């Protein structure tokens, strides 16, 4: 198992890149064991290039909702001690399983993030971070339903995909209502539109409100 390392910024061929240390996964540039975290292929990577603290720290315990083919998950696993990676679709899961072969701290779960009770017997409680990047309606409800896994001092990194929520409603209205609904159970720490790399997406960093 690769020893977790913190992410950092590194000069590669005259350009500063966000990087993590681990085995290459998807043809990314590498230097001395460090691998480039491409912000165009990762909403989380895009936010981290802006020096926003999302709660991803060395040896963190993470629940990743919407793991897809494991591109971003692989970078998170380079930093975290364990990543419970939930993905609903079988085809991306096949790619995720390949990523997990070189990172034994990834626990792939072929489950639906809308039904956390189906994986609550596997995922531990008091996690440091929930990362949510799902393309479906009801994105805030998913974040609320999975809050049970989060430590009182943990953080939520949520990507709101406006066009997945509603293709007719203007994204600004979706972002506004999402923040309002999330505020029922989370304190909003920061919001950031991902215009430069991911159109009609907003990232939200939040922490759970006391029960």
N, C-alpha and C. Protein backbone atom coordinates (compact mmCIF):
# COMPACT_ATOMS: atom_id res chain seq x y z
N UNK A 1 0.84 -1.18 0.00
CA UNK A 1 0.00 0.00 0.00
C UNK A 1 0.88 1.24 0.00
N UNK A 2 0.54 2.20 -0.88
CA UNK A 2 1.32 3.42 -0.96
C UNK A 2 1.13 4.26 0.30
N UNK A 3 2.20 4.74 0.87
CA UNK A 3 2.12 5.59 2.05
C UNK A 3 1.46 6.91 1.70
N UNK A 4 0.40 7.31 2.44
CA UNK A 4 -0.27 8.56 2.13
C UNK A 4 0.65 9.76 2.28
N UNK A 5 0.53 10.68 1.35
CA UNK A 5 1.30 11.93 1.39
C UNK A 5 0.33 13.08 1.19
N UNK A 6 0.70 14.25 1.66
CA UNK A 6 -0.13 15.41 1.44
C UNK A 6 -0.04 15.85 -0.01
N UNK A 7 -1.07 16.54 -0.48
CA UNK A 7 -0.99 17.14 -1.81
C UNK A 7 -0.20 18.44 -1.70
N UNK A 8 0.37 18.85 -2.78
CA UNK A 8 1.14 20.08 -2.79
C UNK A 8 1.24 20.62 -4.21
N UNK A 9 1.91 21.74 -4.36
CA UNK A 9 2.13 22.31 -5.68
C UNK A 9 3.60 22.13 -6.07
N UNK A 10 3.81 21.74 -7.32
CA UNK A 10 5.16 21.40 -7.76
C UNK A 10 5.37 21.92 -9.17
N UNK A 11 6.58 22.42 -9.43
CA UNK A 11 6.92 22.88 -10.77
C UNK A 11 7.31 21.69 -11.64
N UNK A 12 6.61 21.52 -12.74
CA UNK A 12 6.91 20.46 -13.71
C UNK A 12 6.98 21.11 -15.08
N UNK A 13 8.16 21.04 -15.68
CA UNK A 13 8.38 21.61 -17.01
C UNK A 13 7.99 23.08 -17.08
N UNK A 14 8.35 23.81 -16.03
CA UNK A 14 8.15 25.25 -16.02
C UNK A 14 6.75 25.71 -15.67
N UNK A 15 5.88 24.79 -15.22
CA UNK A 15 4.51 25.16 -14.85
C UNK A 15 4.18 24.54 -13.50
N UNK A 16 3.51 25.32 -12.65
CA UNK A 16 3.14 24.83 -11.33
C UNK A 16 1.87 24.00 -11.41
N UNK A 17 1.92 22.78 -10.85
CA UNK A 17 0.78 21.87 -10.87
C UNK A 17 0.44 21.42 -9.45
N UNK A 18 -0.83 21.15 -9.23
CA UNK A 18 -1.25 20.42 -8.04
C UNK A 18 -0.85 18.97 -8.22
N UNK A 19 -0.24 18.36 -7.20
CA UNK A 19 0.24 16.98 -7.32
C UNK A 19 -0.02 16.18 -6.06
N UNK A 20 -0.10 14.86 -6.23
CA UNK A 20 -0.07 13.92 -5.11
C UNK A 20 0.96 12.85 -5.43
N UNK A 21 1.37 12.12 -4.42
CA UNK A 21 2.38 11.08 -4.62
C UNK A 21 1.72 9.72 -4.63
N UNK A 22 1.91 9.00 -5.74
CA UNK A 22 1.34 7.66 -5.87
C UNK A 22 1.57 7.12 -7.27
N UNK A 23 1.20 5.87 -7.51
CA UNK A 23 1.40 5.28 -8.84
C UNK A 23 0.52 5.96 -9.87
N UNK A 24 1.03 6.22 -11.09
CA UNK A 24 0.23 6.86 -12.13
C UNK A 24 -0.98 6.00 -12.49
N UNK A 25 -2.06 6.67 -12.88
CA UNK A 25 -3.33 5.98 -13.04
C UNK A 25 -3.98 6.20 -14.40
N UNK A 26 -3.91 7.43 -14.92
CA UNK A 26 -4.67 7.72 -16.15
C UNK A 26 -3.84 8.48 -17.18
N UNK A 27 -2.53 8.24 -17.18
CA UNK A 27 -1.65 8.87 -18.16
C UNK A 27 -1.23 10.28 -17.78
N UNK A 28 -1.35 10.63 -16.52
CA UNK A 28 -0.99 11.97 -16.06
C UNK A 28 0.53 12.16 -16.02
N UNK A 29 0.97 13.43 -16.08
CA UNK A 29 2.39 13.72 -15.96
C UNK A 29 2.89 13.35 -14.56
N UNK A 30 4.14 12.93 -14.49
CA UNK A 30 4.74 12.58 -13.20
C UNK A 30 6.14 13.17 -13.08
N UNK A 31 6.59 13.31 -11.82
CA UNK A 31 7.94 13.76 -11.55
C UNK A 31 8.35 13.27 -10.17
N UNK A 32 9.36 12.44 -10.14
CA UNK A 32 9.90 11.92 -8.88
C UNK A 32 8.83 11.29 -7.98
N UNK A 33 7.91 10.58 -8.60
CA UNK A 33 6.86 9.92 -7.84
C UNK A 33 5.61 10.75 -7.64
N UNK A 34 5.71 12.06 -7.93
CA UNK A 34 4.54 12.94 -7.81
C UNK A 34 3.77 12.92 -9.12
N UNK A 35 2.45 12.97 -9.04
CA UNK A 35 1.60 12.91 -10.23
C UNK A 35 0.67 14.12 -10.30
N UNK A 36 0.52 14.66 -11.50
CA UNK A 36 -0.27 15.87 -11.68
C UNK A 36 -1.76 15.57 -11.49
N UNK A 37 -2.41 16.42 -10.73
CA UNK A 37 -3.85 16.34 -10.48
C UNK A 37 -4.52 17.35 -11.41
N UNK A 38 -5.06 16.87 -12.50
CA UNK A 38 -5.58 17.73 -13.55
C UNK A 38 -6.92 18.36 -13.14
N UNK A 39 -6.98 19.69 -12.96
CA UNK A 39 -8.22 20.33 -12.52
C UNK A 39 -9.33 20.25 -13.56
N UNK A 40 -8.99 20.04 -14.82
CA UNK A 40 -10.01 19.92 -15.87
C UNK A 40 -10.74 18.57 -15.80
N UNK A 41 -10.14 17.62 -15.09
CA UNK A 41 -10.73 16.28 -14.98
C UNK A 41 -11.24 15.99 -13.57
N UNK A 42 -11.19 17.00 -12.70
CA UNK A 42 -11.55 16.77 -11.31
C UNK A 42 -12.08 18.05 -10.68
N UNK A 43 -13.34 18.01 -10.22
CA UNK A 43 -13.90 19.18 -9.55
C UNK A 43 -13.14 19.48 -8.26
N UNK A 44 -12.80 18.44 -7.52
CA UNK A 44 -12.04 18.65 -6.29
C UNK A 44 -10.66 19.23 -6.61
N UNK A 45 -10.00 18.70 -7.63
CA UNK A 45 -8.71 19.24 -8.04
C UNK A 45 -8.80 20.70 -8.43
N UNK A 46 -9.88 21.07 -9.11
CA UNK A 46 -10.08 22.45 -9.52
C UNK A 46 -10.16 23.38 -8.31
N UNK A 47 -10.86 22.95 -7.28
CA UNK A 47 -10.99 23.76 -6.06
C UNK A 47 -9.67 23.85 -5.32
N UNK A 48 -8.95 22.74 -5.23
CA UNK A 48 -7.69 22.74 -4.49
C UNK A 48 -6.62 23.60 -5.15
N UNK A 49 -6.70 23.78 -6.46
CA UNK A 49 -5.73 24.66 -7.12
C UNK A 49 -5.93 26.11 -6.69
N UNK A 50 -7.08 26.41 -6.09
CA UNK A 50 -7.37 27.76 -5.62
C UNK A 50 -7.10 27.91 -4.12
N UNK A 51 -6.39 26.93 -3.57
CA UNK A 51 -5.98 26.97 -2.16
C UNK A 51 -7.17 27.07 -1.20
N UNK A 52 -8.25 26.38 -1.52
CA UNK A 52 -9.42 26.32 -0.65
C UNK A 52 -9.31 25.06 0.21
N UNK A 53 -9.47 25.22 1.52
CA UNK A 53 -9.38 24.09 2.44
C UNK A 53 -10.69 23.32 2.43
N UNK A 54 -10.65 22.10 1.94
CA UNK A 54 -11.86 21.27 1.88
C UNK A 54 -11.86 20.20 2.98
N UNK A 55 -10.80 20.13 3.76
CA UNK A 55 -10.72 19.13 4.82
C UNK A 55 -9.98 17.87 4.44
N UNK A 56 -9.34 17.88 3.26
CA UNK A 56 -8.55 16.71 2.85
C UNK A 56 -7.15 16.85 3.44
N UNK A 57 -6.90 16.08 4.48
CA UNK A 57 -5.62 16.15 5.17
C UNK A 57 -4.97 14.77 5.21
N UNK A 58 -3.70 14.74 5.49
CA UNK A 58 -2.96 13.49 5.53
C UNK A 58 -3.61 12.52 6.51
N UNK A 59 -3.82 11.30 6.04
CA UNK A 59 -4.39 10.21 6.83
C UNK A 59 -5.86 10.39 7.18
N UNK A 60 -6.56 11.28 6.48
CA UNK A 60 -8.00 11.47 6.71
C UNK A 60 -8.77 10.22 6.32
N UNK A 61 -9.92 10.02 6.96
CA UNK A 61 -10.85 8.96 6.60
C UNK A 61 -11.98 9.59 5.79
N UNK A 62 -12.20 9.07 4.59
CA UNK A 62 -13.04 9.75 3.61
C UNK A 62 -14.14 8.83 3.07
N UNK A 63 -15.33 9.41 2.90
CA UNK A 63 -16.41 8.77 2.14
C UNK A 63 -16.56 9.55 0.85
N UNK A 64 -16.41 8.86 -0.27
CA UNK A 64 -16.50 9.51 -1.58
C UNK A 64 -17.77 9.00 -2.27
N UNK A 65 -18.71 9.91 -2.51
CA UNK A 65 -19.98 9.58 -3.15
C UNK A 65 -19.94 10.03 -4.60
N UNK A 66 -20.10 9.07 -5.50
CA UNK A 66 -19.99 9.38 -6.93
C UNK A 66 -18.57 9.19 -7.41
N UNK A 67 -17.99 8.05 -7.10
CA UNK A 67 -16.57 7.79 -7.35
C UNK A 67 -16.22 7.68 -8.82
N UNK A 68 -17.22 7.38 -9.67
CA UNK A 68 -17.00 7.25 -11.12
C UNK A 68 -15.87 6.26 -11.40
N UNK A 69 -14.98 6.61 -12.33
CA UNK A 69 -13.92 5.65 -12.72
C UNK A 69 -12.66 5.77 -11.87
N UNK A 70 -12.69 6.62 -10.85
CA UNK A 70 -11.61 6.64 -9.89
C UNK A 70 -10.50 7.64 -10.14
N UNK A 71 -10.67 8.54 -11.10
CA UNK A 71 -9.62 9.53 -11.37
C UNK A 71 -9.34 10.38 -10.14
N UNK A 72 -10.38 11.04 -9.62
CA UNK A 72 -10.20 11.87 -8.43
C UNK A 72 -9.97 11.01 -7.20
N UNK A 73 -10.67 9.89 -7.12
CA UNK A 73 -10.50 8.99 -5.97
C UNK A 73 -9.05 8.58 -5.81
N UNK A 74 -8.36 8.35 -6.91
CA UNK A 74 -6.96 7.93 -6.83
C UNK A 74 -6.10 8.98 -6.14
N UNK A 75 -6.36 10.25 -6.44
CA UNK A 75 -5.60 11.33 -5.80
C UNK A 75 -5.96 11.46 -4.32
N UNK A 76 -7.25 11.33 -4.03
CA UNK A 76 -7.67 11.39 -2.63
C UNK A 76 -7.01 10.27 -1.84
N UNK A 77 -6.93 9.09 -2.43
CA UNK A 77 -6.32 7.93 -1.75
C UNK A 77 -4.83 8.11 -1.55
N UNK A 78 -4.19 8.93 -2.38
CA UNK A 78 -2.77 9.23 -2.17
C UNK A 78 -2.55 10.00 -0.88
N UNK A 79 -3.59 10.68 -0.41
CA UNK A 79 -3.49 11.52 0.79
C UNK A 79 -4.15 10.85 1.99
N UNK A 80 -5.34 10.30 1.79
CA UNK A 80 -6.14 9.78 2.90
C UNK A 80 -5.65 8.41 3.37
N UNK A 81 -6.08 8.03 4.58
CA UNK A 81 -5.74 6.69 5.08
C UNK A 81 -6.70 5.65 4.55
N UNK A 82 -7.96 6.05 4.32
CA UNK A 82 -8.95 5.13 3.75
C UNK A 82 -9.98 5.94 2.99
N UNK A 83 -10.45 5.38 1.87
CA UNK A 83 -11.48 6.02 1.06
C UNK A 83 -12.56 4.99 0.75
N UNK A 84 -13.75 5.21 1.30
CA UNK A 84 -14.91 4.40 0.95
C UNK A 84 -15.50 5.03 -0.31
N UNK A 85 -15.37 4.34 -1.45
CA UNK A 85 -15.71 4.91 -2.75
C UNK A 85 -17.01 4.30 -3.26
N UNK A 86 -18.09 5.08 -3.23
CA UNK A 86 -19.41 4.62 -3.61
C UNK A 86 -19.70 5.02 -5.06
N UNK A 87 -20.04 4.03 -5.87
CA UNK A 87 -20.38 4.27 -7.28
C UNK A 87 -21.54 3.36 -7.66
N UNK A 88 -22.51 3.94 -8.38
CA UNK A 88 -23.74 3.23 -8.70
C UNK A 88 -23.67 2.43 -10.00
N UNK A 89 -22.89 2.92 -10.98
CA UNK A 89 -22.89 2.33 -12.32
C UNK A 89 -21.81 1.25 -12.46
N UNK A 90 -22.16 0.11 -13.02
CA UNK A 90 -21.20 -0.99 -13.15
C UNK A 90 -19.99 -0.68 -14.03
N UNK A 91 -20.17 0.05 -15.14
CA UNK A 91 -19.05 0.30 -16.03
C UNK A 91 -17.95 1.14 -15.38
N UNK A 92 -18.26 2.30 -14.77
CA UNK A 92 -17.21 3.03 -14.06
C UNK A 92 -16.60 2.22 -12.91
N UNK A 93 -17.43 1.37 -12.29
CA UNK A 93 -16.92 0.56 -11.18
C UNK A 93 -15.80 -0.36 -11.64
N UNK A 94 -15.88 -0.85 -12.87
CA UNK A 94 -14.79 -1.71 -13.37
C UNK A 94 -13.47 -0.94 -13.40
N UNK A 95 -13.53 0.31 -13.84
CA UNK A 95 -12.32 1.15 -13.85
C UNK A 95 -11.86 1.43 -12.43
N UNK A 96 -12.81 1.70 -11.54
CA UNK A 96 -12.47 1.98 -10.15
C UNK A 96 -11.78 0.79 -9.50
N UNK A 97 -12.22 -0.41 -9.82
CA UNK A 97 -11.59 -1.61 -9.27
C UNK A 97 -10.14 -1.72 -9.73
N UNK A 98 -9.87 -1.33 -10.96
CA UNK A 98 -8.48 -1.33 -11.44
C UNK A 98 -7.63 -0.33 -10.67
N UNK A 99 -8.20 0.84 -10.38
CA UNK A 99 -7.48 1.84 -9.58
C UNK A 99 -7.19 1.30 -8.19
N UNK A 100 -8.17 0.60 -7.63
CA UNK A 100 -8.03 0.09 -6.26
C UNK A 100 -6.98 -1.01 -6.14
N UNK A 101 -6.63 -1.64 -7.24
CA UNK A 101 -5.61 -2.70 -7.18
C UNK A 101 -4.25 -2.16 -6.74
N UNK A 102 -3.96 -0.92 -7.10
CA UNK A 102 -2.67 -0.33 -6.70
C UNK A 102 -2.78 0.53 -5.45
N UNK A 103 -4.00 0.62 -4.89
CA UNK A 103 -4.20 1.43 -3.68
C UNK A 103 -5.18 0.66 -2.78
N UNK A 104 -4.64 -0.09 -1.86
CA UNK A 104 -5.48 -0.94 -1.03
C UNK A 104 -6.23 -0.17 0.04
N UNK A 105 -6.03 1.14 0.12
CA UNK A 105 -6.83 1.95 1.05
C UNK A 105 -8.12 2.44 0.42
N UNK A 106 -8.41 2.02 -0.83
CA UNK A 106 -9.70 2.30 -1.47
C UNK A 106 -10.63 1.11 -1.27
N UNK A 107 -11.81 1.38 -0.72
CA UNK A 107 -12.83 0.35 -0.55
C UNK A 107 -13.95 0.63 -1.55
N UNK A 108 -13.95 -0.04 -2.73
CA UNK A 108 -14.99 0.23 -3.73
C UNK A 108 -16.32 -0.38 -3.31
N UNK A 109 -17.40 0.40 -3.46
CA UNK A 109 -18.73 -0.06 -3.08
C UNK A 109 -19.69 0.21 -4.24
N UNK A 110 -20.20 -0.83 -4.85
CA UNK A 110 -21.19 -0.70 -5.92
C UNK A 110 -22.56 -0.49 -5.27
N UNK A 111 -22.81 0.75 -4.91
CA UNK A 111 -24.02 1.11 -4.17
C UNK A 111 -24.57 2.43 -4.69
N UNK A 112 -25.79 2.76 -4.27
CA UNK A 112 -26.46 3.99 -4.64
C UNK A 112 -26.35 4.97 -3.47
N UNK A 113 -25.73 6.13 -3.71
CA UNK A 113 -25.53 7.11 -2.64
C UNK A 113 -26.84 7.64 -2.07
N UNK A 114 -27.94 7.43 -2.78
CA UNK A 114 -29.25 7.85 -2.28
C UNK A 114 -29.78 6.91 -1.20
N UNK A 115 -29.10 5.79 -1.00
CA UNK A 115 -29.55 4.81 -0.02
C UNK A 115 -28.39 4.40 0.89
N UNK A 116 -27.98 5.28 1.78
CA UNK A 116 -26.81 4.99 2.64
C UNK A 116 -26.99 3.79 3.54
N UNK A 117 -28.23 3.39 3.79
CA UNK A 117 -28.46 2.22 4.63
C UNK A 117 -27.91 0.95 4.00
N UNK A 118 -27.69 0.97 2.67
CA UNK A 118 -27.18 -0.22 1.99
C UNK A 118 -25.68 -0.41 2.18
N UNK A 119 -24.99 0.61 2.65
CA UNK A 119 -23.55 0.47 2.91
C UNK A 119 -23.16 0.90 4.32
N UNK A 120 -24.14 1.17 5.17
CA UNK A 120 -23.84 1.61 6.53
C UNK A 120 -23.15 0.52 7.35
N UNK A 121 -23.30 -0.75 6.94
CA UNK A 121 -22.65 -1.84 7.66
C UNK A 121 -21.17 -1.95 7.30
N UNK A 122 -20.74 -1.22 6.26
CA UNK A 122 -19.34 -1.26 5.82
C UNK A 122 -18.60 0.03 6.19
N UNK A 123 -19.25 1.14 5.95
CA UNK A 123 -18.61 2.44 6.17
C UNK A 123 -18.62 2.80 7.65
N UNK A 124 -17.47 3.14 8.17
CA UNK A 124 -17.38 3.51 9.59
C UNK A 124 -17.96 4.89 9.83
N UNK A 125 -18.21 5.20 11.08
CA UNK A 125 -18.71 6.52 11.45
C UNK A 125 -17.56 7.43 11.83
N UNK A 126 -17.88 8.68 12.13
CA UNK A 126 -16.88 9.68 12.53
C UNK A 126 -15.79 9.89 11.49
N UNK A 127 -16.21 9.95 10.23
CA UNK A 127 -15.25 10.21 9.15
C UNK A 127 -14.84 11.68 9.15
N UNK A 128 -13.66 11.94 8.58
CA UNK A 128 -13.13 13.30 8.54
C UNK A 128 -13.70 14.12 7.39
N UNK A 129 -14.11 13.43 6.32
CA UNK A 129 -14.52 14.15 5.13
C UNK A 129 -15.48 13.32 4.29
N UNK A 130 -16.54 13.97 3.81
CA UNK A 130 -17.40 13.40 2.78
C UNK A 130 -17.20 14.22 1.51
N UNK A 131 -16.87 13.56 0.43
CA UNK A 131 -16.76 14.19 -0.88
C UNK A 131 -17.93 13.68 -1.71
N UNK A 132 -18.75 14.61 -2.21
CA UNK A 132 -19.91 14.20 -2.99
C UNK A 132 -19.87 14.84 -4.37
N UNK A 133 -19.91 14.01 -5.41
CA UNK A 133 -19.84 14.45 -6.79
C UNK A 133 -20.72 13.52 -7.62
N UNK A 134 -22.05 13.66 -7.44
CA UNK A 134 -22.99 12.77 -8.11
C UNK A 134 -23.82 13.54 -9.13
N UNK A 135 -24.14 12.89 -10.22
CA UNK A 135 -24.91 13.50 -11.30
C UNK A 135 -26.34 12.98 -11.25
N UNK A 136 -27.15 13.56 -10.38
CA UNK A 136 -28.53 13.15 -10.23
C UNK A 136 -29.32 14.28 -9.58
N UNK A 137 -30.62 14.15 -9.56
CA UNK A 137 -31.44 15.10 -8.81
C UNK A 137 -31.35 14.78 -7.32
N UNK A 138 -31.70 15.76 -6.51
CA UNK A 138 -31.69 15.54 -5.07
C UNK A 138 -30.31 15.48 -4.47
N UNK A 139 -29.40 16.30 -4.98
CA UNK A 139 -28.01 16.25 -4.51
C UNK A 139 -27.87 16.68 -3.05
N UNK A 140 -28.64 17.68 -2.65
CA UNK A 140 -28.58 18.12 -1.25
C UNK A 140 -29.14 17.04 -0.33
N UNK A 141 -30.23 16.40 -0.74
CA UNK A 141 -30.80 15.34 0.08
C UNK A 141 -29.79 14.21 0.31
N UNK A 142 -29.01 13.89 -0.70
CA UNK A 142 -27.97 12.87 -0.54
C UNK A 142 -26.98 13.29 0.53
N UNK A 143 -26.57 14.56 0.49
CA UNK A 143 -25.63 15.07 1.49
C UNK A 143 -26.23 15.01 2.89
N UNK A 144 -27.51 15.32 3.00
CA UNK A 144 -28.18 15.27 4.31
C UNK A 144 -28.30 13.83 4.81
N UNK A 145 -28.64 12.92 3.90
CA UNK A 145 -28.84 11.52 4.30
C UNK A 145 -27.53 10.83 4.69
N UNK A 146 -26.40 11.30 4.15
CA UNK A 146 -25.11 10.67 4.46
C UNK A 146 -24.36 11.37 5.59
N UNK A 147 -24.98 12.38 6.15
CA UNK A 147 -24.34 13.12 7.25
C UNK A 147 -24.02 12.22 8.45
N UNK A 148 -24.78 11.14 8.60
CA UNK A 148 -24.60 10.23 9.73
C UNK A 148 -23.18 9.67 9.84
N UNK A 149 -22.46 9.61 8.71
CA UNK A 149 -21.12 9.05 8.71
C UNK A 149 -20.06 10.06 9.14
N UNK A 150 -20.42 11.32 9.19
CA UNK A 150 -19.43 12.38 9.37
C UNK A 150 -19.20 12.69 10.84
N UNK A 151 -17.94 12.90 11.19
CA UNK A 151 -17.58 13.33 12.53
C UNK A 151 -18.15 14.72 12.79
N UNK A 152 -18.47 15.07 14.04
CA UNK A 152 -18.94 16.42 14.36
C UNK A 152 -17.95 17.51 13.95
N UNK A 153 -16.68 17.13 13.82
CA UNK A 153 -15.66 18.11 13.42
C UNK A 153 -15.22 17.90 11.97
N UNK A 154 -15.93 17.01 11.25
CA UNK A 154 -15.57 16.73 9.86
C UNK A 154 -16.09 17.77 8.90
N UNK A 155 -15.83 17.56 7.62
CA UNK A 155 -16.28 18.51 6.60
C UNK A 155 -16.95 17.78 5.44
N UNK A 156 -17.82 18.51 4.78
CA UNK A 156 -18.47 18.05 3.56
C UNK A 156 -17.96 18.88 2.39
N UNK A 157 -17.53 18.20 1.33
CA UNK A 157 -17.21 18.87 0.07
C UNK A 157 -18.26 18.40 -0.94
N UNK A 158 -19.15 19.30 -1.31
CA UNK A 158 -20.28 18.95 -2.17
C UNK A 158 -20.20 19.73 -3.47
N UNK A 159 -20.32 19.02 -4.58
CA UNK A 159 -20.40 19.65 -5.89
C UNK A 159 -21.86 19.63 -6.35
N UNK A 160 -22.42 20.82 -6.54
CA UNK A 160 -23.77 20.93 -7.08
C UNK A 160 -23.68 21.04 -8.60
N UNK A 161 -24.22 20.06 -9.29
CA UNK A 161 -24.25 20.06 -10.74
C UNK A 161 -25.64 20.55 -11.16
N UNK A 162 -25.72 21.80 -11.57
CA UNK A 162 -27.02 22.43 -11.83
C UNK A 162 -27.80 21.69 -12.90
N UNK A 163 -27.15 21.28 -13.98
CA UNK A 163 -27.86 20.65 -15.08
C UNK A 163 -28.32 19.24 -14.74
N UNK A 164 -27.71 18.61 -13.77
CA UNK A 164 -28.19 17.31 -13.31
C UNK A 164 -29.42 17.48 -12.42
N UNK A 165 -29.48 18.62 -11.74
CA UNK A 165 -30.62 18.89 -10.86
C UNK A 165 -31.86 19.28 -11.67
N UNK A 166 -31.65 20.18 -12.64
CA UNK A 166 -32.76 20.64 -13.47
C UNK A 166 -32.20 21.36 -14.69
N UNK A 167 -32.56 20.92 -15.88
CA UNK A 167 -31.99 21.51 -17.10
C UNK A 167 -32.68 22.81 -17.49
N UNK A 168 -33.82 23.12 -16.88
CA UNK A 168 -34.59 24.31 -17.23
C UNK A 168 -34.31 25.47 -16.30
N UNK A 169 -34.25 25.19 -15.00
CA UNK A 169 -34.04 26.25 -14.01
C UNK A 169 -32.64 26.85 -14.15
N UNK A 170 -32.51 28.17 -14.10
CA UNK A 170 -31.19 28.80 -14.17
C UNK A 170 -30.27 28.30 -13.06
N UNK A 171 -29.01 28.01 -13.39
CA UNK A 171 -28.08 27.50 -12.37
C UNK A 171 -28.01 28.34 -11.11
N UNK A 172 -28.07 29.67 -11.24
CA UNK A 172 -27.97 30.54 -10.06
C UNK A 172 -29.08 30.25 -9.05
N UNK A 173 -30.28 29.97 -9.55
CA UNK A 173 -31.39 29.66 -8.65
C UNK A 173 -31.19 28.30 -7.99
N UNK A 174 -30.65 27.36 -8.73
CA UNK A 174 -30.37 26.04 -8.16
C UNK A 174 -29.31 26.14 -7.08
N UNK A 175 -28.26 26.92 -7.35
CA UNK A 175 -27.20 27.09 -6.35
C UNK A 175 -27.77 27.72 -5.08
N UNK A 176 -28.59 28.75 -5.25
CA UNK A 176 -29.16 29.46 -4.10
C UNK A 176 -30.04 28.55 -3.26
N UNK A 177 -30.93 27.80 -3.91
CA UNK A 177 -31.83 26.91 -3.16
C UNK A 177 -31.07 25.76 -2.52
N UNK A 178 -30.01 25.29 -3.18
CA UNK A 178 -29.19 24.21 -2.62
C UNK A 178 -28.51 24.65 -1.33
N UNK A 179 -27.97 25.86 -1.34
CA UNK A 179 -27.31 26.39 -0.15
C UNK A 179 -28.32 26.56 0.99
N UNK A 180 -29.50 27.05 0.65
CA UNK A 180 -30.54 27.23 1.67
C UNK A 180 -30.96 25.91 2.28
N UNK A 181 -31.16 24.90 1.44
CA UNK A 181 -31.59 23.59 1.93
C UNK A 181 -30.49 22.90 2.74
N UNK A 182 -29.25 23.03 2.27
CA UNK A 182 -28.14 22.41 2.99
C UNK A 182 -27.93 23.04 4.35
N UNK A 183 -28.25 24.33 4.46
CA UNK A 183 -28.04 25.07 5.71
C UNK A 183 -28.91 24.57 6.85
N UNK A 184 -29.88 23.70 6.56
CA UNK A 184 -30.69 23.10 7.62
C UNK A 184 -29.84 22.25 8.56
N UNK A 185 -28.81 21.61 8.00
CA UNK A 185 -28.01 20.68 8.79
C UNK A 185 -26.51 20.95 8.75
N UNK A 186 -26.09 21.86 7.89
CA UNK A 186 -24.67 22.16 7.74
C UNK A 186 -24.42 23.66 7.83
N UNK A 187 -23.30 24.02 8.40
CA UNK A 187 -22.82 25.41 8.36
C UNK A 187 -21.99 25.57 7.10
N UNK A 188 -22.35 26.51 6.25
CA UNK A 188 -21.65 26.73 5.00
C UNK A 188 -20.38 27.52 5.26
N UNK A 189 -19.24 26.94 4.93
CA UNK A 189 -17.96 27.59 5.16
C UNK A 189 -17.49 28.39 3.95
N UNK A 190 -17.75 27.83 2.76
CA UNK A 190 -17.28 28.49 1.54
C UNK A 190 -18.02 27.92 0.34
N UNK A 191 -18.24 28.78 -0.65
CA UNK A 191 -18.79 28.34 -1.93
C UNK A 191 -17.88 28.83 -3.04
N UNK A 192 -17.82 28.08 -4.12
CA UNK A 192 -16.94 28.45 -5.23
C UNK A 192 -17.51 27.91 -6.54
N UNK A 193 -17.80 28.80 -7.47
CA UNK A 193 -18.21 28.35 -8.79
C UNK A 193 -16.99 27.82 -9.54
N UNK A 194 -17.21 26.79 -10.34
CA UNK A 194 -16.10 26.13 -11.03
C UNK A 194 -16.10 26.49 -12.52
N UNK A 195 -16.33 27.76 -12.79
CA UNK A 195 -16.53 28.23 -14.16
C UNK A 195 -15.36 27.92 -15.08
N UNK A 196 -14.14 28.02 -14.57
CA UNK A 196 -12.96 27.89 -15.43
C UNK A 196 -12.81 26.49 -16.01
N UNK A 197 -13.25 25.46 -15.29
CA UNK A 197 -13.07 24.09 -15.76
C UNK A 197 -14.37 23.30 -15.89
N UNK A 198 -15.41 23.67 -15.12
CA UNK A 198 -16.61 22.86 -15.07
C UNK A 198 -17.83 23.78 -15.06
N UNK A 199 -18.43 23.97 -16.22
CA UNK A 199 -19.54 24.90 -16.38
C UNK A 199 -20.78 24.44 -15.59
N UNK A 200 -21.47 25.42 -14.99
CA UNK A 200 -22.70 25.19 -14.24
C UNK A 200 -22.50 24.26 -13.05
N UNK A 201 -21.33 24.35 -12.44
CA UNK A 201 -21.03 23.60 -11.22
C UNK A 201 -20.65 24.57 -10.10
N UNK A 202 -21.07 24.26 -8.90
CA UNK A 202 -20.64 25.01 -7.72
C UNK A 202 -20.17 24.04 -6.65
N UNK A 203 -19.04 24.35 -6.03
CA UNK A 203 -18.53 23.57 -4.91
C UNK A 203 -18.91 24.25 -3.60
N UNK A 204 -19.30 23.45 -2.65
CA UNK A 204 -19.65 23.94 -1.32
C UNK A 204 -18.83 23.19 -0.29
N UNK A 205 -18.21 23.93 0.60
CA UNK A 205 -17.51 23.33 1.74
C UNK A 205 -18.32 23.67 2.99
N UNK A 206 -18.64 22.65 3.77
CA UNK A 206 -19.51 22.86 4.92
C UNK A 206 -19.10 21.94 6.06
N UNK A 207 -19.60 22.25 7.24
CA UNK A 207 -19.38 21.38 8.39
C UNK A 207 -20.71 21.14 9.08
N UNK A 208 -20.89 19.98 9.72
CA UNK A 208 -22.20 19.65 10.31
C UNK A 208 -22.54 20.56 11.48
N UNK A 209 -23.80 20.97 11.53
CA UNK A 209 -24.28 21.73 12.68
C UNK A 209 -24.46 20.78 13.86
N UNK A 210 -24.30 21.28 15.07
CA UNK A 210 -24.51 20.43 16.25
C UNK A 210 -25.93 19.87 16.27
N UNK A 211 -26.04 18.65 16.72
CA UNK A 211 -27.37 18.02 16.81
C UNK A 211 -28.22 18.70 17.86
